[in-house]
Amino acid sequence: MNIVLIPGACHGAWWYAPVVESLTARGHAALALTLPGLCERAEEPGATLASHVADVTATAAALDGPVVLVGHSYGGMVVAGVADALPGKVVGLLSVDGFAPEDGDSCWTSVDDAMRAWYVDASGRSGTGLDPMPQFDPRATPHPVASLLQRIRLTGAFRGVRHYALAADPAWAAGSPFPAIADRLRADPTWTVTDLPTTHDVLREGPDVLVGAIEALVAEVDQAG
């Protein structure tokens, strides 16, 4: 089984490096990806949500064996699209303090006014890229604004295992748009929601909490099938 990890806005595959290392040491096949228009792929033009989904879909389809998808923050939007595109290949997905869209949703429509204000303010310099927050890692790069505005199109084909991991540390959750998403999913029997004792930067204290959430998903996938 392959574990494919998609980072959040402004981040690249490097963000998952300690998670990939830990998963590999535990015997898993783990692959972190940088999306088009970001970090070492920053010069690739025309990055949208659809192009991000298409890029990861092509990579996942080429892997030998079933795939579990992990998406942090914005990455939750991408993994939803990939799972919908490859319902026979993707057997599980985990959105980590991020998006869990329905058909027609976008990042813009899924967040609160405070995050929309960040989208506007942080894209004012270039008009095309959302500048990283000051506290982000120096390797972070502007995120393509179009990918945050474009609506996702989902057919509902995916029927695999769905997990959502909410960063429930009060220091973060009080001002986060993601508890509302988690609350919606808690009422949906097709989702399993877990509260993590972390802020949105779930790797601040190391990879163990996220690795545990991923392995819980993999265990349920194995049990299901």
Protein backbone atom coordinates (compact mmCIF):
# COMPACT_ATOMS: atom_id res chain seq x y z
CA MET A 1 0.00 0.00 0.00
CA ASN A 2 1.25 3.46 -0.94
CA ILE A 3 0.81 6.50 1.32
CA VAL A 4 0.81 9.73 -0.71
CA LEU A 5 1.08 12.97 1.26
CA ILE A 6 -0.02 16.41 0.02
CA PRO A 7 1.07 19.56 1.91
CA GLY A 8 -0.93 22.66 2.72
CA ALA A 9 -0.83 26.11 1.15
CA CYS A 10 2.62 27.57 0.48
CA HIS A 11 4.38 24.33 1.50
CA GLY A 12 6.17 21.59 -0.39
CA ALA A 13 7.04 17.94 0.05
CA TRP A 14 9.80 18.96 2.47
CA TRP A 15 7.17 19.64 5.16
CA TYR A 16 6.44 15.91 5.42
CA ALA A 17 10.11 14.80 5.56
CA PRO A 18 10.01 13.58 9.20
CA VAL A 19 6.70 11.82 8.57
CA VAL A 20 8.03 10.04 5.48
CA GLU A 21 11.14 9.00 7.41
CA SER A 22 9.08 7.62 10.29
CA LEU A 23 6.58 5.81 8.05
CA THR A 24 9.39 4.29 6.01
CA ALA A 25 11.12 3.06 9.16
CA ARG A 26 7.83 1.38 10.13
CA GLY A 27 7.70 -0.49 6.82
CA HIS A 28 5.31 1.73 4.86
CA ALA A 29 5.78 3.04 1.32
CA ALA A 30 5.40 6.81 1.73
CA LEU A 31 5.69 9.54 -0.90
CA ALA A 32 5.32 13.28 -0.30
CA LEU A 33 4.58 15.53 -3.28
CA THR A 34 5.08 19.20 -4.09
CA LEU A 35 2.21 20.66 -6.08
CA PRO A 36 2.67 22.60 -9.35
CA GLY A 37 3.37 26.30 -8.80
CA LEU A 38 4.95 25.81 -5.37
CA CYS A 39 8.47 25.59 -3.94
CA GLU A 40 10.78 23.73 -6.34
CA ARG A 41 7.90 23.74 -8.86
CA ALA A 42 7.18 27.45 -8.44
CA GLU A 43 7.97 28.27 -12.07
CA GLU A 44 5.33 25.93 -13.47
CA PRO A 45 2.55 28.17 -14.84
CA GLY A 46 -1.21 27.99 -14.59
CA ALA A 47 -1.55 26.21 -11.25
CA THR A 48 -5.20 25.75 -10.26
CA LEU A 49 -7.08 23.34 -8.03
CA ALA A 50 -7.91 21.28 -11.12
CA SER A 51 -4.27 21.12 -12.19
CA HIS A 52 -3.21 20.13 -8.68
CA VAL A 53 -5.76 17.32 -8.65
CA ALA A 54 -4.70 16.19 -12.13
CA ASP A 55 -1.02 16.20 -11.19
CA VAL A 56 -1.49 14.05 -8.08
CA THR A 57 -3.98 11.81 -9.88
CA ALA A 58 -1.38 11.00 -12.54
CA THR A 59 1.25 10.19 -9.91
CA ALA A 60 -1.10 8.04 -7.83
CA ALA A 61 -2.42 6.16 -10.86
CA ALA A 62 1.13 5.16 -11.83
CA LEU A 63 1.95 3.63 -8.44
CA ASP A 64 1.92 -0.15 -8.02
CA GLY A 65 -0.82 -1.12 -5.60
CA PRO A 66 -3.57 0.69 -3.69
CA VAL A 67 -3.15 4.24 -2.42
CA VAL A 68 -3.96 6.04 0.81
CA LEU A 69 -4.04 9.84 0.51
CA VAL A 70 -3.11 12.32 3.25
CA GLY A 71 -3.77 16.04 2.80
CA HIS A 72 -2.94 18.78 5.28
CA SER A 73 -5.00 21.99 5.21
CA TYR A 74 -5.35 22.96 1.50
CA GLY A 75 -4.16 19.43 0.70
CA GLY A 76 -7.51 18.13 1.94
CA MET A 77 -9.14 19.73 -1.08
CA VAL A 78 -6.67 18.04 -3.43
CA VAL A 79 -6.95 14.54 -1.95
CA ALA A 80 -10.75 14.74 -2.20
CA GLY A 81 -10.46 15.36 -5.93
CA VAL A 82 -7.92 12.61 -6.45
CA ALA A 83 -9.98 10.05 -4.52
CA ASP A 84 -13.00 10.95 -6.64
CA ALA A 85 -10.96 10.55 -9.83
CA LEU A 86 -9.45 7.20 -8.80
CA PRO A 87 -12.14 5.40 -6.78
CA GLY A 88 -10.74 1.97 -7.67
CA LYS A 89 -7.17 2.92 -6.80
CA VAL A 90 -7.57 5.06 -3.68
CA VAL A 91 -8.71 3.03 -0.69
CA GLY A 92 -8.50 5.66 2.05
CA LEU A 93 -8.02 9.35 2.67
CA LEU A 94 -7.10 11.50 5.63
CA SER A 95 -7.70 15.25 5.77
CA VAL A 96 -5.51 16.77 8.48
CA ASP A 97 -7.01 19.99 9.88
CA GLY A 98 -8.08 20.92 6.41
CA PHE A 99 -10.81 20.77 3.82
CA ALA A 100 -13.30 17.98 3.23
CA PRO A 101 -15.29 19.42 0.33
CA GLU A 102 -18.58 18.52 -1.24
CA ASP A 103 -19.21 19.06 -4.95
CA GLY A 104 -19.02 22.74 -5.82
CA ASP A 105 -17.10 23.82 -2.74
CA SER A 106 -13.93 25.90 -2.88
CA CYS A 107 -11.45 26.95 -0.23
CA TRP A 108 -12.96 30.43 -0.41
CA THR A 109 -16.50 29.20 0.27
CA SER A 110 -15.35 26.79 3.00
CA VAL A 111 -13.52 29.20 5.31
CA ASP A 112 -14.57 32.03 7.59
CA ASP A 113 -14.26 35.78 7.07
CA ALA A 114 -10.94 35.96 8.90
CA MET A 115 -9.29 33.50 6.53
CA ARG A 116 -10.88 35.18 3.52
CA ALA A 117 -9.31 38.42 4.71
CA TRP A 118 -5.93 36.67 4.74
CA TYR A 119 -6.52 35.44 1.19
CA VAL A 120 -7.15 39.01 0.05
CA ASP A 121 -4.42 40.74 2.04
CA ALA A 122 -1.70 38.18 1.34
CA SER A 123 -2.37 38.16 -2.40
CA GLY A 124 -2.27 41.95 -2.75
CA ARG A 125 1.44 42.11 -3.50
CA SER A 126 1.42 39.99 -6.66
CA GLY A 127 -2.26 39.51 -7.40
CA THR A 128 -1.59 35.87 -8.29
CA GLY A 129 0.16 34.33 -5.29
CA LEU A 130 -0.84 34.15 -1.64
CA ASP A 131 2.24 35.19 0.34
CA PRO A 132 3.26 32.87 3.19
CA MET A 133 2.44 33.91 6.75
CA PRO A 134 5.44 35.36 8.63
CA GLN A 135 5.68 32.31 10.91
CA PHE A 136 5.93 29.87 8.01
CA ASP A 137 9.14 27.98 7.27
CA PRO A 138 11.57 30.02 5.11
CA ARG A 139 11.16 27.40 2.37
CA ALA A 140 7.48 28.31 1.94
CA THR A 141 6.53 30.11 -1.29
CA PRO A 142 3.46 32.03 -2.49
CA HIS A 143 0.43 29.83 -3.13
CA PRO A 144 -1.50 30.15 -6.42
CA VAL A 145 -4.62 32.19 -5.66
CA ALA A 146 -6.64 30.51 -8.41
CA SER A 147 -6.46 27.18 -6.57
CA LEU A 148 -8.18 28.73 -3.56
CA LEU A 149 -11.03 30.20 -5.59
CA GLN A 150 -11.76 27.38 -8.03
CA ARG A 151 -14.71 25.14 -7.15
CA ILE A 152 -14.06 21.41 -6.94
CA ARG A 153 -16.12 19.01 -9.02
CA LEU A 154 -16.87 15.67 -7.36
CA THR A 155 -18.99 12.82 -8.71
CA GLY A 156 -19.31 10.97 -5.43
CA ALA A 157 -17.57 7.91 -6.86
CA PHE A 158 -15.18 7.43 -3.92
CA ARG A 159 -16.42 4.92 -1.34
CA GLY A 160 -13.20 4.22 0.55
CA VAL A 161 -12.33 4.86 4.18
CA ARG A 162 -12.47 8.53 5.20
CA HIS A 163 -10.75 10.00 8.26
CA TYR A 164 -10.54 13.59 9.46
CA ALA A 165 -7.97 14.74 12.03
CA LEU A 166 -8.81 18.05 13.71
CA ALA A 167 -6.09 20.13 15.35
CA ALA A 168 -7.95 20.67 18.61
CA ASP A 169 -5.41 22.60 20.68
CA PRO A 170 -7.45 25.50 22.13
CA ALA A 171 -4.73 27.97 21.14
CA TRP A 172 -5.52 27.23 17.50
CA ALA A 173 -9.05 25.87 17.41
CA ALA A 174 -10.70 28.98 18.86
CA GLY A 175 -9.89 30.98 15.74
CA SER A 176 -9.84 28.17 13.19
CA PRO A 177 -12.40 27.55 10.44
CA PHE A 178 -11.81 23.80 10.60
CA PRO A 179 -13.78 22.82 13.75
CA ALA A 180 -16.95 23.65 11.80
CA ILE A 181 -15.88 21.18 9.11
CA ALA A 182 -15.12 18.54 11.74
CA ASP A 183 -18.54 19.08 13.35
CA ARG A 184 -20.25 18.50 10.02
CA LEU A 185 -18.31 15.28 9.50
CA ARG A 186 -18.99 13.97 13.01
CA ALA A 187 -22.63 13.67 11.94
CA ASP A 188 -21.69 11.74 8.78
CA PRO A 189 -21.35 7.96 9.33
CA THR A 190 -18.97 7.67 6.37
CA TRP A 191 -16.33 9.70 8.24
CA THR A 192 -14.24 9.02 11.34
CA VAL A 193 -13.17 12.23 13.13
CA THR A 194 -10.26 12.32 15.59
CA ASP A 195 -9.13 15.28 17.68
CA LEU A 196 -5.37 15.83 17.74
CA PRO A 197 -3.67 17.60 20.68
CA THR A 198 -1.90 19.99 18.32
CA THR A 199 -2.17 23.35 16.63
CA HIS A 200 -2.51 23.59 12.86
CA ASP A 201 1.24 23.01 12.64
CA VAL A 202 0.74 19.38 13.59
CA LEU A 203 4.45 18.60 13.20
CA ARG A 204 5.65 21.25 15.66
CA GLU A 205 6.29 18.60 18.31
CA GLY A 206 7.49 15.97 15.83
CA PRO A 207 5.87 13.45 13.52
CA ASP A 208 4.47 10.95 16.04
CA VAL A 209 0.92 12.34 16.34
CA LEU A 210 0.42 12.54 12.58
CA VAL A 211 2.07 9.16 11.98
CA GLY A 212 -0.33 7.67 14.53
CA ALA A 213 -3.32 9.15 12.70
CA ILE A 214 -2.05 7.80 9.38
CA GLU A 215 -1.46 4.33 10.79
CA ALA A 216 -4.99 4.33 12.28
CA LEU A 217 -6.35 4.98 8.79
CA VAL A 218 -4.17 2.27 7.24
CA ALA A 219 -5.30 -0.21 9.90
CA GLU A 220 -8.97 0.47 9.12
CA VAL A 221 -8.29 0.14 5.39
CA ASP A 222 -6.61 -3.23 6.01
CA GLN A 223 -9.51 -4.37 8.15
CA ALA A 224 -12.05 -3.27 5.56
CA GLY A 225 -10.50 -5.08 2.78
